[in-house]
Amino acid sequence: MAKEQSQLRERSRTNLKEPKRYKVIIHNDDFTTMDFVVMILTQVFFKSEEEATALMLQVHHSDKAVVGIYTYDIAVSKANKATNMAREQGFPLRLTVEPETEE
């Protein structure tokens, strides 16, 4: 019995790492309305009206903007939800998911 107990060791270290984070990027196009982009940013990405408007203007002037940084599953889910909402309204809105770069 003593032999069995000596073979059991507690693991003192755990190798837990933060999950990788991914950026959701919204891209500018000439067809999706500014109001629709603001609505997507408030409903899907839970931005305030002011923050959504500022991001929409950034997209309009810079061709794209990061609208959120999430774990992979959440980033893809939000991008897909926004894309599906845009398609239902006939808009070609494009969102991409990219790994967050370490700086």
N, C-alpha and C. Protein backbone atom coordinates (compact mmCIF):
# COMPACT_ATOMS: atom_id res chain seq x y z
N MET A 1 0.81 -1.19 0.00
CA MET A 1 0.00 0.00 0.00
C MET A 1 0.87 1.27 0.00
N ALA A 2 1.93 1.26 0.75
CA ALA A 2 2.82 2.42 0.80
C ALA A 2 3.45 2.66 -0.56
N LYS A 3 3.69 1.59 -1.31
CA LYS A 3 4.29 1.72 -2.62
C LYS A 3 3.36 2.46 -3.58
N GLU A 4 2.06 2.16 -3.53
CA GLU A 4 1.10 2.83 -4.39
C GLU A 4 1.04 4.32 -4.11
N GLN A 5 1.04 4.69 -2.86
CA GLN A 5 0.94 6.10 -2.50
C GLN A 5 2.19 6.87 -2.91
N SER A 6 3.34 6.24 -2.88
CA SER A 6 4.56 6.95 -3.25
C SER A 6 4.62 7.22 -4.76
N GLN A 7 3.87 6.46 -5.54
CA GLN A 7 3.86 6.68 -6.99
C GLN A 7 2.93 7.82 -7.39
N LEU A 8 2.04 8.18 -6.52
CA LEU A 8 1.14 9.29 -6.82
C LEU A 8 1.82 10.60 -6.44
N ARG A 9 1.88 11.49 -7.39
CA ARG A 9 2.48 12.79 -7.13
C ARG A 9 1.50 13.87 -7.52
N GLU A 10 1.51 14.90 -6.74
CA GLU A 10 0.66 16.04 -7.09
C GLU A 10 1.36 16.85 -8.14
N ARG A 11 0.59 17.32 -9.04
CA ARG A 11 1.15 18.18 -10.08
C ARG A 11 1.14 19.61 -9.56
N SER A 12 2.30 20.18 -9.43
CA SER A 12 2.38 21.52 -8.85
C SER A 12 2.29 22.62 -9.90
N ARG A 13 2.57 22.28 -11.16
CA ARG A 13 2.53 23.30 -12.20
C ARG A 13 1.36 23.02 -13.15
N THR A 14 0.76 24.07 -13.58
CA THR A 14 -0.23 23.94 -14.65
C THR A 14 0.21 24.83 -15.78
N ASN A 15 0.04 24.35 -16.96
CA ASN A 15 0.46 25.12 -18.13
C ASN A 15 -0.74 25.78 -18.78
N LEU A 16 -1.39 26.64 -18.05
CA LEU A 16 -2.53 27.36 -18.59
C LEU A 16 -2.05 28.62 -19.29
N LYS A 17 -2.59 28.84 -20.49
CA LYS A 17 -2.25 30.04 -21.24
C LYS A 17 -3.53 30.78 -21.57
N GLU A 18 -3.40 32.07 -21.69
CA GLU A 18 -4.52 32.86 -22.17
C GLU A 18 -4.83 32.41 -23.59
N PRO A 19 -6.12 32.32 -23.95
CA PRO A 19 -6.44 31.96 -25.33
C PRO A 19 -6.01 33.07 -26.28
N LYS A 20 -5.65 32.69 -27.49
CA LYS A 20 -5.29 33.70 -28.50
C LYS A 20 -6.48 34.59 -28.75
N ARG A 21 -6.20 35.82 -29.10
CA ARG A 21 -7.25 36.80 -29.35
C ARG A 21 -7.26 37.13 -30.84
N TYR A 22 -8.45 37.46 -31.32
CA TYR A 22 -8.63 37.74 -32.74
C TYR A 22 -9.39 39.05 -32.93
N LYS A 23 -8.95 39.81 -33.94
CA LYS A 23 -9.58 41.10 -34.25
C LYS A 23 -10.70 40.86 -35.25
N VAL A 24 -11.83 41.51 -35.03
CA VAL A 24 -12.89 41.54 -36.03
C VAL A 24 -12.76 42.89 -36.73
N ILE A 25 -12.58 42.82 -38.04
CA ILE A 25 -12.36 44.03 -38.83
C ILE A 25 -13.54 44.21 -39.79
N ILE A 26 -14.08 45.43 -39.79
CA ILE A 26 -15.15 45.75 -40.72
C ILE A 26 -14.56 46.57 -41.86
N HIS A 27 -14.97 46.26 -43.08
CA HIS A 27 -14.40 46.89 -44.27
C HIS A 27 -15.42 47.81 -44.94
N ASN A 28 -14.92 48.87 -45.53
CA ASN A 28 -15.75 49.84 -46.20
C ASN A 28 -16.23 49.31 -47.55
N ASP A 29 -17.43 49.69 -47.92
CA ASP A 29 -17.91 49.44 -49.29
C ASP A 29 -18.79 50.62 -49.67
N ASP A 30 -19.16 50.70 -50.93
CA ASP A 30 -19.92 51.85 -51.42
C ASP A 30 -21.43 51.65 -51.35
N PHE A 31 -21.89 50.53 -50.80
CA PHE A 31 -23.30 50.22 -50.84
C PHE A 31 -23.98 50.13 -49.47
N THR A 32 -23.26 49.63 -48.47
CA THR A 32 -23.85 49.49 -47.14
C THR A 32 -24.05 50.88 -46.54
N THR A 33 -25.24 51.13 -46.04
CA THR A 33 -25.52 52.47 -45.51
C THR A 33 -24.82 52.68 -44.17
N MET A 34 -24.54 53.94 -43.88
CA MET A 34 -23.89 54.29 -42.62
C MET A 34 -24.78 53.92 -41.44
N ASP A 35 -26.09 54.13 -41.58
CA ASP A 35 -27.03 53.79 -40.51
C ASP A 35 -27.02 52.30 -40.22
N PHE A 36 -26.92 51.48 -41.27
CA PHE A 36 -26.88 50.03 -41.06
C PHE A 36 -25.61 49.62 -40.34
N VAL A 37 -24.48 50.22 -40.69
CA VAL A 37 -23.21 49.91 -40.02
C VAL A 37 -23.31 50.28 -38.54
N VAL A 38 -23.86 51.43 -38.23
CA VAL A 38 -24.03 51.83 -36.83
C VAL A 38 -24.94 50.83 -36.11
N MET A 39 -26.01 50.40 -36.76
CA MET A 39 -26.92 49.43 -36.15
C MET A 39 -26.20 48.11 -35.86
N ILE A 40 -25.39 47.63 -36.79
CA ILE A 40 -24.61 46.40 -36.59
C ILE A 40 -23.67 46.57 -35.39
N LEU A 41 -23.00 47.70 -35.33
CA LEU A 41 -22.04 47.94 -34.25
C LEU A 41 -22.71 48.02 -32.89
N THR A 42 -23.93 48.54 -32.83
CA THR A 42 -24.62 48.62 -31.55
C THR A 42 -25.27 47.29 -31.17
N GLN A 43 -25.85 46.60 -32.13
CA GLN A 43 -26.59 45.36 -31.82
C GLN A 43 -25.70 44.12 -31.70
N VAL A 44 -24.70 44.00 -32.55
CA VAL A 44 -23.85 42.80 -32.55
C VAL A 44 -22.62 42.99 -31.67
N PHE A 45 -22.02 44.17 -31.74
CA PHE A 45 -20.77 44.40 -31.01
C PHE A 45 -20.97 45.22 -29.73
N PHE A 46 -22.22 45.56 -29.43
CA PHE A 46 -22.59 46.24 -28.19
C PHE A 46 -21.81 47.54 -27.95
N LYS A 47 -21.62 48.31 -29.02
CA LYS A 47 -20.99 49.62 -28.91
C LYS A 47 -22.05 50.65 -28.56
N SER A 48 -21.65 51.72 -27.89
CA SER A 48 -22.58 52.81 -27.64
C SER A 48 -22.84 53.52 -28.97
N GLU A 49 -23.89 54.30 -29.02
CA GLU A 49 -24.23 55.02 -30.25
C GLU A 49 -23.06 55.92 -30.68
N GLU A 50 -22.43 56.60 -29.73
CA GLU A 50 -21.31 57.49 -30.05
C GLU A 50 -20.11 56.70 -30.57
N GLU A 51 -19.79 55.60 -29.89
CA GLU A 51 -18.65 54.78 -30.31
C GLU A 51 -18.92 54.16 -31.68
N ALA A 52 -20.14 53.70 -31.91
CA ALA A 52 -20.51 53.11 -33.19
C ALA A 52 -20.39 54.13 -34.32
N THR A 53 -20.84 55.35 -34.07
CA THR A 53 -20.74 56.40 -35.08
C THR A 53 -19.28 56.72 -35.39
N ALA A 54 -18.45 56.81 -34.35
CA ALA A 54 -17.02 57.09 -34.55
C ALA A 54 -16.35 55.96 -35.36
N LEU A 55 -16.68 54.71 -35.05
CA LEU A 55 -16.12 53.57 -35.81
C LEU A 55 -16.60 53.58 -37.25
N MET A 56 -17.87 53.89 -37.46
CA MET A 56 -18.42 53.95 -38.82
C MET A 56 -17.69 55.01 -39.64
N LEU A 57 -17.43 56.15 -39.03
CA LEU A 57 -16.70 57.21 -39.75
C LEU A 57 -15.25 56.79 -40.01
N GLN A 58 -14.65 56.08 -39.07
CA GLN A 58 -13.29 55.58 -39.28
C GLN A 58 -13.26 54.62 -40.47
N VAL A 59 -14.23 53.73 -40.55
CA VAL A 59 -14.32 52.79 -41.67
C VAL A 59 -14.50 53.57 -42.97
N HIS A 60 -15.36 54.56 -42.95
CA HIS A 60 -15.66 55.36 -44.14
C HIS A 60 -14.42 56.08 -44.67
N HIS A 61 -13.59 56.58 -43.76
CA HIS A 61 -12.42 57.35 -44.17
C HIS A 61 -11.16 56.50 -44.35
N SER A 62 -11.05 55.39 -43.63
CA SER A 62 -9.82 54.59 -43.65
C SER A 62 -9.98 53.23 -44.31
N ASP A 63 -11.16 52.95 -44.83
CA ASP A 63 -11.48 51.68 -45.51
C ASP A 63 -11.68 50.48 -44.60
N LYS A 64 -11.23 50.56 -43.34
CA LYS A 64 -11.49 49.46 -42.41
C LYS A 64 -11.23 49.93 -40.99
N ALA A 65 -11.77 49.16 -40.03
CA ALA A 65 -11.56 49.47 -38.62
C ALA A 65 -11.75 48.20 -37.80
N VAL A 66 -10.99 48.10 -36.72
CA VAL A 66 -11.15 46.99 -35.78
C VAL A 66 -12.34 47.33 -34.90
N VAL A 67 -13.33 46.43 -34.88
CA VAL A 67 -14.54 46.70 -34.10
C VAL A 67 -14.58 45.90 -32.80
N GLY A 68 -13.63 44.99 -32.63
CA GLY A 68 -13.57 44.24 -31.38
C GLY A 68 -12.46 43.21 -31.41
N ILE A 69 -12.03 42.80 -30.23
CA ILE A 69 -11.00 41.77 -30.08
C ILE A 69 -11.55 40.72 -29.13
N TYR A 70 -11.60 39.48 -29.61
CA TYR A 70 -12.26 38.40 -28.88
C TYR A 70 -11.48 37.10 -29.03
N THR A 71 -11.93 36.08 -28.30
CA THR A 71 -11.41 34.73 -28.56
C THR A 71 -11.93 34.32 -29.93
N TYR A 72 -11.33 33.29 -30.51
CA TYR A 72 -11.63 32.90 -31.89
C TYR A 72 -13.13 32.63 -32.10
N ASP A 73 -13.71 31.79 -31.28
CA ASP A 73 -15.11 31.40 -31.48
C ASP A 73 -16.05 32.60 -31.42
N ILE A 74 -15.81 33.49 -30.48
CA ILE A 74 -16.67 34.67 -30.35
C ILE A 74 -16.47 35.61 -31.53
N ALA A 75 -15.23 35.79 -31.96
CA ALA A 75 -14.94 36.67 -33.10
C ALA A 75 -15.64 36.16 -34.36
N VAL A 76 -15.52 34.87 -34.62
CA VAL A 76 -16.14 34.29 -35.82
C VAL A 76 -17.66 34.37 -35.72
N SER A 77 -18.20 34.11 -34.54
CA SER A 77 -19.65 34.16 -34.35
C SER A 77 -20.20 35.55 -34.60
N LYS A 78 -19.53 36.56 -34.07
CA LYS A 78 -20.00 37.95 -34.25
C LYS A 78 -19.86 38.38 -35.72
N ALA A 79 -18.76 38.01 -36.35
CA ALA A 79 -18.57 38.36 -37.77
C ALA A 79 -19.65 37.69 -38.63
N ASN A 80 -19.93 36.42 -38.35
CA ASN A 80 -20.96 35.71 -39.11
C ASN A 80 -22.34 36.31 -38.88
N LYS A 81 -22.65 36.65 -37.65
CA LYS A 81 -23.96 37.23 -37.34
C LYS A 81 -24.14 38.55 -38.09
N ALA A 82 -23.12 39.41 -38.04
CA ALA A 82 -23.20 40.70 -38.73
C ALA A 82 -23.31 40.52 -40.24
N THR A 83 -22.55 39.58 -40.79
CA THR A 83 -22.59 39.31 -42.23
C THR A 83 -23.97 38.81 -42.64
N ASN A 84 -24.53 37.90 -41.85
CA ASN A 84 -25.87 37.37 -42.17
C ASN A 84 -26.92 38.47 -42.11
N MET A 85 -26.83 39.35 -41.12
CA MET A 85 -27.78 40.46 -41.02
C MET A 85 -27.66 41.37 -42.25
N ALA A 86 -26.43 41.61 -42.70
CA ALA A 86 -26.20 42.46 -43.87
C ALA A 86 -26.79 41.80 -45.12
N ARG A 87 -26.58 40.51 -45.29
CA ARG A 87 -27.10 39.81 -46.48
C ARG A 87 -28.63 39.83 -46.50
N GLU A 88 -29.24 39.68 -45.32
CA GLU A 88 -30.71 39.73 -45.24
C GLU A 88 -31.25 41.07 -45.72
N GLN A 89 -30.45 42.13 -45.55
CA GLN A 89 -30.86 43.47 -45.98
C GLN A 89 -30.33 43.81 -47.37
N GLY A 90 -29.60 42.88 -47.99
CA GLY A 90 -29.08 43.11 -49.34
C GLY A 90 -27.79 43.91 -49.40
N PHE A 91 -27.05 43.98 -48.29
CA PHE A 91 -25.80 44.74 -48.26
C PHE A 91 -24.60 43.80 -48.39
N PRO A 92 -23.55 44.25 -49.08
CA PRO A 92 -22.34 43.42 -49.24
C PRO A 92 -21.30 43.64 -48.14
N LEU A 93 -21.73 44.07 -46.97
CA LEU A 93 -20.81 44.36 -45.86
C LEU A 93 -19.87 43.19 -45.63
N ARG A 94 -18.58 43.49 -45.47
CA ARG A 94 -17.58 42.44 -45.27
C ARG A 94 -16.88 42.64 -43.94
N LEU A 95 -16.80 41.55 -43.18
CA LEU A 95 -16.06 41.53 -41.92
C LEU A 95 -15.06 40.39 -42.00
N THR A 96 -13.88 40.62 -41.46
CA THR A 96 -12.87 39.58 -41.44
C THR A 96 -12.38 39.38 -40.00
N VAL A 97 -11.83 38.21 -39.75
CA VAL A 97 -11.28 37.87 -38.45
C VAL A 97 -9.79 37.58 -38.65
N GLU A 98 -8.95 38.27 -37.90
CA GLU A 98 -7.50 38.10 -38.01
C GLU A 98 -6.90 37.93 -36.62
N PRO A 99 -5.83 37.14 -36.52
CA PRO A 99 -5.16 37.02 -35.21
C PRO A 99 -4.64 38.38 -34.75
N GLU A 100 -4.76 38.63 -33.46
CA GLU A 100 -4.23 39.87 -32.90
C GLU A 100 -2.69 39.74 -32.90
N THR A 101 -2.02 40.75 -33.39
CA THR A 101 -0.57 40.70 -33.42
C THR A 101 0.00 41.08 -32.08
N GLU A 102 1.06 40.41 -31.70
CA GLU A 102 1.75 40.73 -30.43
C GLU A 102 2.61 41.96 -30.66
N GLU A 103 2.40 42.96 -29.86
CA GLU A 103 3.21 44.19 -30.04
C GLU A 103 4.03 44.45 -28.83
